[in-house]
């Protein structure tokens, strides 16, 4: 009788081990992280035609290139100023604990800031506009945030 119990006690861990090993055998994992399309990647893959196709769908198409002004002591041109404004508005919104979780799309052209997205309430919508107005070189703010 004890011999049968001993065999049964030995069979349980062996069967459990086989079950675990069989579950591990045929699994294939995708370890590659998805990457967003980037113009430099498209140029490498498809040449200039691929970059042109990507640029047609770029929401910033027609923007002037940034010339100087970033770390080299030269004066900033309008595009560099707009890029800095967008960055500073985003950073200011992240510093405000009540607004940090909001998804706000910030764009700037010639110092005119446009805000898109959703605000949880009218007070938050107004606060985002006020913060954008405090950033250096902002001439005006068009607050197109929707409440809801």
N, C-alpha and C. Protein backbone atom coordinates (compact mmCIF):
# COMPACT_ATOMS: atom_id res chain seq x y z
N UNK A 1 0.82 -1.19 0.00
CA UNK A 1 0.00 0.00 0.00
C UNK A 1 0.87 1.26 0.00
N UNK A 2 1.91 1.28 0.82
CA UNK A 2 2.79 2.44 0.88
C UNK A 2 3.54 2.64 -0.43
N UNK A 3 3.81 1.55 -1.15
CA UNK A 3 4.50 1.65 -2.42
C UNK A 3 3.62 2.38 -3.45
N UNK A 4 2.30 2.12 -3.44
CA UNK A 4 1.39 2.78 -4.35
C UNK A 4 1.28 4.27 -4.02
N UNK A 5 1.23 4.60 -2.75
CA UNK A 5 1.17 5.99 -2.32
C UNK A 5 2.45 6.72 -2.74
N UNK A 6 3.59 6.07 -2.57
CA UNK A 6 4.87 6.66 -2.93
C UNK A 6 4.92 6.92 -4.44
N UNK A 7 4.43 5.97 -5.27
CA UNK A 7 4.41 6.15 -6.72
C UNK A 7 3.47 7.31 -7.10
N UNK A 8 2.33 7.39 -6.47
CA UNK A 8 1.38 8.46 -6.77
C UNK A 8 1.97 9.82 -6.37
N UNK A 9 2.64 9.88 -5.23
CA UNK A 9 3.26 11.12 -4.77
C UNK A 9 4.38 11.55 -5.71
N UNK A 10 5.07 10.60 -6.30
CA UNK A 10 6.14 10.89 -7.24
C UNK A 10 5.57 11.30 -8.60
N UNK A 11 4.45 10.76 -8.98
CA UNK A 11 3.85 11.04 -10.29
C UNK A 11 3.32 12.47 -10.38
N UNK A 12 2.80 13.00 -9.28
CA UNK A 12 2.21 14.34 -9.29
C UNK A 12 3.24 15.41 -9.68
N UNK A 13 4.42 15.49 -9.04
CA UNK A 13 5.37 16.52 -9.45
C UNK A 13 5.92 16.30 -10.87
N UNK A 14 6.05 15.03 -11.27
CA UNK A 14 6.54 14.76 -12.62
C UNK A 14 5.53 15.25 -13.65
N UNK A 15 4.25 14.98 -13.44
CA UNK A 15 3.22 15.44 -14.35
C UNK A 15 3.13 16.98 -14.37
N UNK A 16 3.28 17.60 -13.22
CA UNK A 16 3.25 19.06 -13.14
C UNK A 16 4.41 19.66 -13.93
N UNK A 17 5.60 19.06 -13.81
CA UNK A 17 6.77 19.53 -14.54
C UNK A 17 6.56 19.39 -16.05
N UNK A 18 6.03 18.26 -16.49
CA UNK A 18 5.75 18.04 -17.90
C UNK A 18 4.73 19.05 -18.43
N UNK A 19 3.73 19.35 -17.65
CA UNK A 19 2.72 20.31 -18.05
C UNK A 19 3.33 21.70 -18.23
N UNK A 20 4.16 22.10 -17.29
CA UNK A 20 4.82 23.41 -17.38
C UNK A 20 5.74 23.46 -18.60
N UNK A 21 6.52 22.43 -18.83
CA UNK A 21 7.44 22.42 -19.96
C UNK A 21 6.69 22.40 -21.30
N UNK A 22 5.58 21.71 -21.37
CA UNK A 22 4.84 21.66 -22.63
C UNK A 22 4.21 23.02 -22.95
N UNK A 23 3.87 23.78 -21.95
CA UNK A 23 3.29 25.11 -22.18
C UNK A 23 4.34 26.09 -22.67
N UNK A 24 5.60 25.87 -22.38
CA UNK A 24 6.66 26.80 -22.77
C UNK A 24 7.20 26.55 -24.16
N UNK A 25 6.92 25.44 -24.76
CA UNK A 25 7.59 25.00 -25.97
C UNK A 25 7.35 25.82 -27.22
N UNK A 26 6.13 26.09 -27.64
CA UNK A 26 5.86 26.64 -28.95
C UNK A 26 5.48 28.12 -28.94
N UNK A 27 5.74 28.81 -27.91
CA UNK A 27 5.33 30.21 -27.83
C UNK A 27 6.34 31.10 -28.53
N UNK A 28 5.86 32.01 -29.37
CA UNK A 28 6.72 32.96 -30.07
C UNK A 28 6.30 34.35 -29.62
N UNK A 29 7.27 35.10 -29.17
CA UNK A 29 6.97 36.45 -28.69
C UNK A 29 7.54 37.47 -29.66
N UNK A 30 6.80 38.54 -29.84
CA UNK A 30 7.28 39.65 -30.64
C UNK A 30 7.99 40.61 -29.70
N UNK A 31 9.30 40.67 -29.78
CA UNK A 31 10.07 41.53 -28.87
C UNK A 31 10.39 42.87 -29.49
N UNK A 32 9.96 43.09 -30.73
CA UNK A 32 10.25 44.35 -31.40
C UNK A 32 9.22 45.40 -31.01
N UNK A 33 9.69 46.55 -30.56
CA UNK A 33 8.80 47.64 -30.18
C UNK A 33 8.31 48.34 -31.44
N UNK A 34 7.01 48.64 -31.53
CA UNK A 34 6.53 49.39 -32.71
C UNK A 34 7.09 50.81 -32.70
N UNK A 35 7.48 51.28 -33.84
CA UNK A 35 8.07 52.61 -33.97
C UNK A 35 7.18 53.46 -34.86
N UNK A 36 6.96 54.72 -34.50
CA UNK A 36 6.17 55.60 -35.37
C UNK A 36 6.96 55.90 -36.64
N UNK A 37 6.23 56.20 -37.71
CA UNK A 37 6.89 56.57 -38.96
C UNK A 37 7.65 57.88 -38.76
N UNK A 38 8.85 57.89 -39.24
CA UNK A 38 9.68 59.08 -39.14
C UNK A 38 10.24 59.37 -40.52
N UNK A 39 10.39 60.64 -40.88
CA UNK A 39 10.85 60.96 -42.22
C UNK A 39 12.22 60.37 -42.52
N UNK A 40 13.15 60.36 -41.54
CA UNK A 40 14.48 59.83 -41.81
C UNK A 40 14.41 58.34 -42.12
N UNK A 41 13.52 57.62 -41.46
CA UNK A 41 13.35 56.20 -41.73
C UNK A 41 12.79 56.01 -43.13
N UNK A 42 11.81 56.83 -43.50
CA UNK A 42 11.22 56.73 -44.83
C UNK A 42 12.24 57.05 -45.91
N UNK A 43 13.12 58.00 -45.67
CA UNK A 43 14.16 58.32 -46.65
C UNK A 43 15.06 57.11 -46.83
N UNK A 44 15.44 56.46 -45.74
CA UNK A 44 16.31 55.30 -45.82
C UNK A 44 15.63 54.14 -46.54
N UNK A 45 14.35 53.94 -46.32
CA UNK A 45 13.65 52.81 -46.91
C UNK A 45 13.28 53.04 -48.36
N UNK A 46 12.79 54.23 -48.67
CA UNK A 46 12.19 54.45 -49.98
C UNK A 46 12.83 55.57 -50.77
N UNK A 47 13.94 56.10 -50.32
CA UNK A 47 14.56 57.19 -51.03
C UNK A 47 13.76 58.48 -50.86
N UNK A 48 14.02 59.44 -51.67
CA UNK A 48 13.36 60.73 -51.56
C UNK A 48 11.86 60.65 -51.87
N UNK A 49 11.44 59.68 -52.71
CA UNK A 49 10.01 59.53 -53.01
C UNK A 49 9.24 59.19 -51.73
N UNK A 50 9.81 58.33 -50.90
CA UNK A 50 9.16 57.97 -49.64
C UNK A 50 9.07 59.15 -48.69
N UNK A 51 10.12 59.96 -48.68
CA UNK A 51 10.11 61.15 -47.83
C UNK A 51 9.07 62.14 -48.33
N UNK A 52 8.94 62.27 -49.64
CA UNK A 52 7.95 63.19 -50.20
C UNK A 52 6.54 62.75 -49.84
N UNK A 53 6.28 61.44 -49.94
CA UNK A 53 4.95 60.93 -49.59
C UNK A 53 4.67 61.17 -48.12
N UNK A 54 5.66 61.00 -47.27
CA UNK A 54 5.47 61.23 -45.83
C UNK A 54 5.19 62.71 -45.59
N UNK A 55 5.92 63.57 -46.29
CA UNK A 55 5.78 65.01 -46.07
C UNK A 55 4.41 65.53 -46.49
N UNK A 56 3.79 64.88 -47.47
CA UNK A 56 2.46 65.31 -47.90
C UNK A 56 1.44 65.18 -46.78
N UNK A 57 1.63 64.23 -45.87
CA UNK A 57 0.71 64.01 -44.77
C UNK A 57 1.15 64.70 -43.48
N UNK A 58 2.26 65.40 -43.52
CA UNK A 58 2.80 66.05 -42.33
C UNK A 58 2.00 67.31 -42.03
N UNK A 59 1.49 67.41 -40.79
CA UNK A 59 0.66 68.56 -40.44
C UNK A 59 1.47 69.86 -40.36
N UNK A 60 2.79 69.76 -40.33
CA UNK A 60 3.63 70.96 -40.26
C UNK A 60 4.26 71.27 -41.62
N UNK A 61 3.68 70.73 -42.68
CA UNK A 61 4.20 70.96 -44.02
C UNK A 61 4.21 72.46 -44.32
N UNK A 62 5.24 72.91 -44.93
CA UNK A 62 5.34 74.31 -45.28
C UNK A 62 6.07 75.13 -44.22
N UNK A 63 6.44 74.52 -43.11
CA UNK A 63 7.16 75.26 -42.08
C UNK A 63 8.57 75.58 -42.57
N UNK A 64 9.06 76.72 -42.14
CA UNK A 64 10.42 77.10 -42.52
C UNK A 64 11.41 76.32 -41.66
N UNK A 65 12.60 76.03 -42.19
CA UNK A 65 13.60 75.32 -41.39
C UNK A 65 14.12 76.21 -40.26
N UNK A 66 14.59 75.59 -39.19
CA UNK A 66 15.15 76.33 -38.07
C UNK A 66 16.58 76.71 -38.43
N UNK A 67 16.88 77.98 -38.38
CA UNK A 67 18.20 78.47 -38.71
C UNK A 67 18.81 79.15 -37.50
N UNK A 68 19.79 78.55 -36.90
CA UNK A 68 20.49 79.17 -35.78
C UNK A 68 19.62 79.37 -34.56
N UNK A 69 20.19 80.00 -33.55
CA UNK A 69 19.44 80.39 -32.38
C UNK A 69 19.37 79.34 -31.29
N UNK A 70 19.78 78.13 -31.56
CA UNK A 70 19.65 77.11 -30.54
C UNK A 70 21.05 76.73 -30.07
N UNK A 71 21.48 77.39 -29.03
CA UNK A 71 22.75 77.05 -28.41
C UNK A 71 23.98 77.61 -29.09
N UNK A 72 23.83 78.39 -30.17
CA UNK A 72 25.02 78.88 -30.84
C UNK A 72 25.18 80.40 -30.74
N UNK A 73 24.33 81.03 -29.95
CA UNK A 73 24.46 82.46 -29.73
C UNK A 73 23.83 83.32 -30.80
N UNK A 74 23.38 82.73 -31.90
CA UNK A 74 22.73 83.51 -32.96
C UNK A 74 21.29 83.81 -32.56
N UNK A 75 20.74 84.85 -33.15
CA UNK A 75 19.36 85.21 -32.86
C UNK A 75 18.42 84.14 -33.42
N UNK A 76 17.31 83.89 -32.70
CA UNK A 76 16.33 82.92 -33.15
C UNK A 76 15.50 83.52 -34.28
N UNK A 77 15.16 82.70 -35.28
CA UNK A 77 14.22 83.16 -36.28
C UNK A 77 12.81 82.77 -35.81
N UNK A 78 11.81 83.08 -36.61
CA UNK A 78 10.43 82.84 -36.20
C UNK A 78 10.11 81.40 -35.91
N UNK A 79 10.64 80.48 -36.72
CA UNK A 79 10.34 79.06 -36.51
C UNK A 79 10.96 78.57 -35.21
N UNK A 80 12.18 78.99 -34.92
CA UNK A 80 12.83 78.58 -33.68
C UNK A 80 12.07 79.14 -32.47
N UNK A 81 11.60 80.36 -32.60
CA UNK A 81 10.82 80.96 -31.51
C UNK A 81 9.54 80.17 -31.30
N UNK A 82 8.85 79.82 -32.40
CA UNK A 82 7.61 79.05 -32.29
C UNK A 82 7.86 77.68 -31.67
N UNK A 83 8.95 77.04 -32.06
CA UNK A 83 9.28 75.72 -31.49
C UNK A 83 9.54 75.85 -29.99
N UNK A 84 10.24 76.90 -29.59
CA UNK A 84 10.51 77.12 -28.17
C UNK A 84 9.21 77.41 -27.42
N UNK A 85 8.33 78.20 -28.02
CA UNK A 85 7.04 78.51 -27.39
C UNK A 85 6.25 77.24 -27.14
N UNK A 86 6.15 76.39 -28.15
CA UNK A 86 5.40 75.12 -28.01
C UNK A 86 5.98 74.30 -26.88
N UNK A 87 7.30 74.18 -26.85
CA UNK A 87 7.96 73.39 -25.80
C UNK A 87 7.69 73.98 -24.42
N UNK A 88 7.79 75.29 -24.29
CA UNK A 88 7.60 75.92 -22.99
C UNK A 88 6.14 75.85 -22.52
N UNK A 89 5.19 75.96 -23.44
CA UNK A 89 3.78 75.82 -23.06
C UNK A 89 3.52 74.40 -22.56
N UNK A 90 4.02 73.41 -23.29
CA UNK A 90 3.83 72.02 -22.86
C UNK A 90 4.45 71.77 -21.49
N UNK A 91 5.65 72.29 -21.27
CA UNK A 91 6.32 72.11 -19.98
C UNK A 91 5.53 72.80 -18.86
N UNK A 92 5.01 73.99 -19.13
CA UNK A 92 4.24 74.71 -18.11
C UNK A 92 2.96 73.95 -17.76
N UNK A 93 2.32 73.34 -18.75
CA UNK A 93 1.11 72.56 -18.48
C UNK A 93 1.43 71.32 -17.66
N UNK A 94 2.58 70.70 -17.92
CA UNK A 94 2.98 69.50 -17.15
C UNK A 94 3.29 69.86 -15.69
N UNK A 95 3.76 71.09 -15.46
CA UNK A 95 4.08 71.50 -14.08
C UNK A 95 2.83 71.76 -13.25
N UNK A 96 1.72 72.03 -13.88
CA UNK A 96 0.46 72.28 -13.16
C UNK A 96 -0.19 70.92 -12.87
N UNK A 97 -0.23 70.53 -11.60
CA UNK A 97 -0.71 69.20 -11.22
C UNK A 97 -2.14 68.94 -11.70
N UNK A 98 -2.98 69.95 -11.70
CA UNK A 98 -4.37 69.77 -12.10
C UNK A 98 -4.52 69.57 -13.60
N UNK A 99 -3.52 70.01 -14.39
CA UNK A 99 -3.61 69.95 -15.84
C UNK A 99 -2.67 68.93 -16.47
N UNK A 100 -1.76 68.37 -15.69
CA UNK A 100 -0.71 67.51 -16.24
C UNK A 100 -1.25 66.30 -16.99
N UNK A 101 -2.39 65.78 -16.60
CA UNK A 101 -2.93 64.58 -17.24
C UNK A 101 -3.72 64.89 -18.52
N UNK A 102 -4.00 66.15 -18.78
CA UNK A 102 -4.78 66.52 -19.96
C UNK A 102 -3.96 66.34 -21.23
N UNK A 103 -4.62 65.95 -22.30
CA UNK A 103 -4.00 65.84 -23.62
C UNK A 103 -4.29 67.13 -24.38
N UNK A 104 -3.31 68.01 -24.45
CA UNK A 104 -3.49 69.29 -25.12
C UNK A 104 -2.51 69.35 -26.29
N UNK A 105 -3.02 69.59 -27.49
CA UNK A 105 -2.19 69.77 -28.67
C UNK A 105 -1.87 71.25 -28.78
N UNK A 106 -0.59 71.58 -28.75
CA UNK A 106 -0.15 72.96 -28.77
C UNK A 106 0.58 73.21 -30.09
N UNK A 107 0.19 74.26 -30.79
CA UNK A 107 0.92 74.66 -31.99
C UNK A 107 1.12 76.17 -31.93
N UNK A 108 2.14 76.65 -32.63
CA UNK A 108 2.43 78.09 -32.65
C UNK A 108 2.92 78.49 -34.03
N UNK A 109 2.48 79.66 -34.45
CA UNK A 109 2.96 80.23 -35.70
C UNK A 109 3.04 81.74 -35.52
N UNK A 110 4.24 82.25 -35.71
CA UNK A 110 4.50 83.68 -35.53
C UNK A 110 4.05 84.18 -34.16
N UNK A 111 4.24 83.37 -33.13
CA UNK A 111 3.90 83.76 -31.76
C UNK A 111 2.44 83.59 -31.40
N UNK A 112 1.62 83.13 -32.35
CA UNK A 112 0.20 82.90 -32.08
C UNK A 112 0.01 81.43 -31.73
N UNK A 113 -0.39 81.15 -30.51
CA UNK A 113 -0.54 79.78 -30.00
C UNK A 113 -1.97 79.31 -30.20
N UNK A 114 -2.11 78.07 -30.68
CA UNK A 114 -3.42 77.45 -30.82
C UNK A 114 -3.44 76.19 -29.95
N UNK A 115 -4.50 76.04 -29.17
CA UNK A 115 -4.66 74.91 -28.27
C UNK A 115 -5.85 74.06 -28.73
N UNK A 116 -5.63 72.76 -28.86
CA UNK A 116 -6.69 71.82 -29.23
C UNK A 116 -6.72 70.70 -28.19
N UNK A 117 -7.89 70.10 -28.00
CA UNK A 117 -8.02 68.97 -27.09
C UNK A 117 -9.30 69.08 -26.28
N UNK A 118 -9.34 68.33 -25.18
CA UNK A 118 -10.52 68.33 -24.31
C UNK A 118 -10.12 68.73 -22.90
N UNK A 119 -10.98 69.54 -22.30
CA UNK A 119 -10.80 69.93 -20.90
C UNK A 119 -11.94 69.33 -20.09
N UNK A 120 -11.69 68.93 -18.85
CA UNK A 120 -12.75 68.32 -18.05
C UNK A 120 -13.84 69.31 -17.65
N UNK A 121 -13.48 70.59 -17.57
CA UNK A 121 -14.46 71.60 -17.17
C UNK A 121 -14.02 72.98 -17.68
N UNK A 122 -14.91 73.97 -17.64
CA UNK A 122 -14.55 75.31 -18.15
C UNK A 122 -13.37 75.94 -17.42
N UNK A 123 -13.26 75.68 -16.13
CA UNK A 123 -12.15 76.27 -15.37
C UNK A 123 -10.80 75.74 -15.86
N UNK A 124 -10.73 74.45 -16.14
CA UNK A 124 -9.48 73.87 -16.64
C UNK A 124 -9.17 74.42 -18.03
N UNK A 125 -10.20 74.58 -18.86
CA UNK A 125 -10.02 75.14 -20.20
C UNK A 125 -9.42 76.54 -20.10
N UNK A 126 -9.98 77.38 -19.24
CA UNK A 126 -9.50 78.74 -19.07
C UNK A 126 -8.08 78.76 -18.50
N UNK A 127 -7.80 77.86 -17.56
CA UNK A 127 -6.47 77.80 -16.93
C UNK A 127 -5.39 77.45 -17.97
N UNK A 128 -5.69 76.53 -18.89
CA UNK A 128 -4.72 76.18 -19.93
C UNK A 128 -4.40 77.41 -20.78
N UNK A 129 -5.43 78.18 -21.15
CA UNK A 129 -5.21 79.40 -21.92
C UNK A 129 -4.39 80.42 -21.17
N UNK A 130 -4.66 80.58 -19.88
CA UNK A 130 -3.90 81.53 -19.07
C UNK A 130 -2.43 81.14 -18.98
N UNK A 131 -2.18 79.85 -18.81
CA UNK A 131 -0.78 79.39 -18.72
C UNK A 131 -0.06 79.65 -20.04
N UNK A 132 -0.72 79.38 -21.16
CA UNK A 132 -0.09 79.61 -22.47
C UNK A 132 0.25 81.09 -22.65
N UNK A 133 -0.61 81.98 -22.16
CA UNK A 133 -0.37 83.41 -22.30
C UNK A 133 0.85 83.89 -21.53
N UNK A 134 1.26 83.16 -20.49
CA UNK A 134 2.39 83.60 -19.67
C UNK A 134 3.74 83.27 -20.28
N UNK A 135 3.77 82.46 -21.33
CA UNK A 135 5.04 82.06 -21.93
C UNK A 135 5.62 83.22 -22.74
N UNK A 136 6.93 83.40 -22.63
CA UNK A 136 7.63 84.48 -23.31
C UNK A 136 7.43 84.39 -24.82
N UNK A 137 7.23 85.52 -25.47
CA UNK A 137 7.07 85.69 -26.92
C UNK A 137 5.71 85.25 -27.45
N UNK A 138 4.77 84.87 -26.58
CA UNK A 138 3.42 84.55 -27.04
C UNK A 138 2.68 85.86 -27.28
N UNK A 139 2.17 86.02 -28.50
CA UNK A 139 1.45 87.24 -28.86
C UNK A 139 -0.05 87.09 -28.63
N UNK A 140 -0.58 85.90 -28.91
CA UNK A 140 -2.00 85.64 -28.68
C UNK A 140 -2.23 84.14 -28.51
N UNK A 141 -3.37 83.80 -27.89
CA UNK A 141 -3.73 82.40 -27.68
C UNK A 141 -5.13 82.17 -28.22
N UNK A 142 -5.26 81.19 -29.09
CA UNK A 142 -6.57 80.77 -29.59
C UNK A 142 -6.89 79.44 -28.90
N UNK A 143 -7.76 79.52 -27.92
CA UNK A 143 -8.08 78.37 -27.09
C UNK A 143 -9.26 77.62 -27.72
N UNK A 144 -8.97 76.53 -28.42
CA UNK A 144 -10.00 75.73 -29.07
C UNK A 144 -10.29 74.45 -28.31
N UNK A 145 -9.95 74.43 -27.02
CA UNK A 145 -10.25 73.26 -26.19
C UNK A 145 -11.76 73.13 -26.03
N UNK A 146 -12.25 71.90 -26.08
CA UNK A 146 -13.65 71.64 -25.86
C UNK A 146 -13.84 71.09 -24.45
N UNK A 147 -14.97 71.41 -23.86
CA UNK A 147 -15.26 70.94 -22.51
C UNK A 147 -16.10 69.67 -22.60
N UNK A 148 -15.68 68.69 -21.80
CA UNK A 148 -16.48 67.46 -21.79
C UNK A 148 -15.70 66.22 -21.62
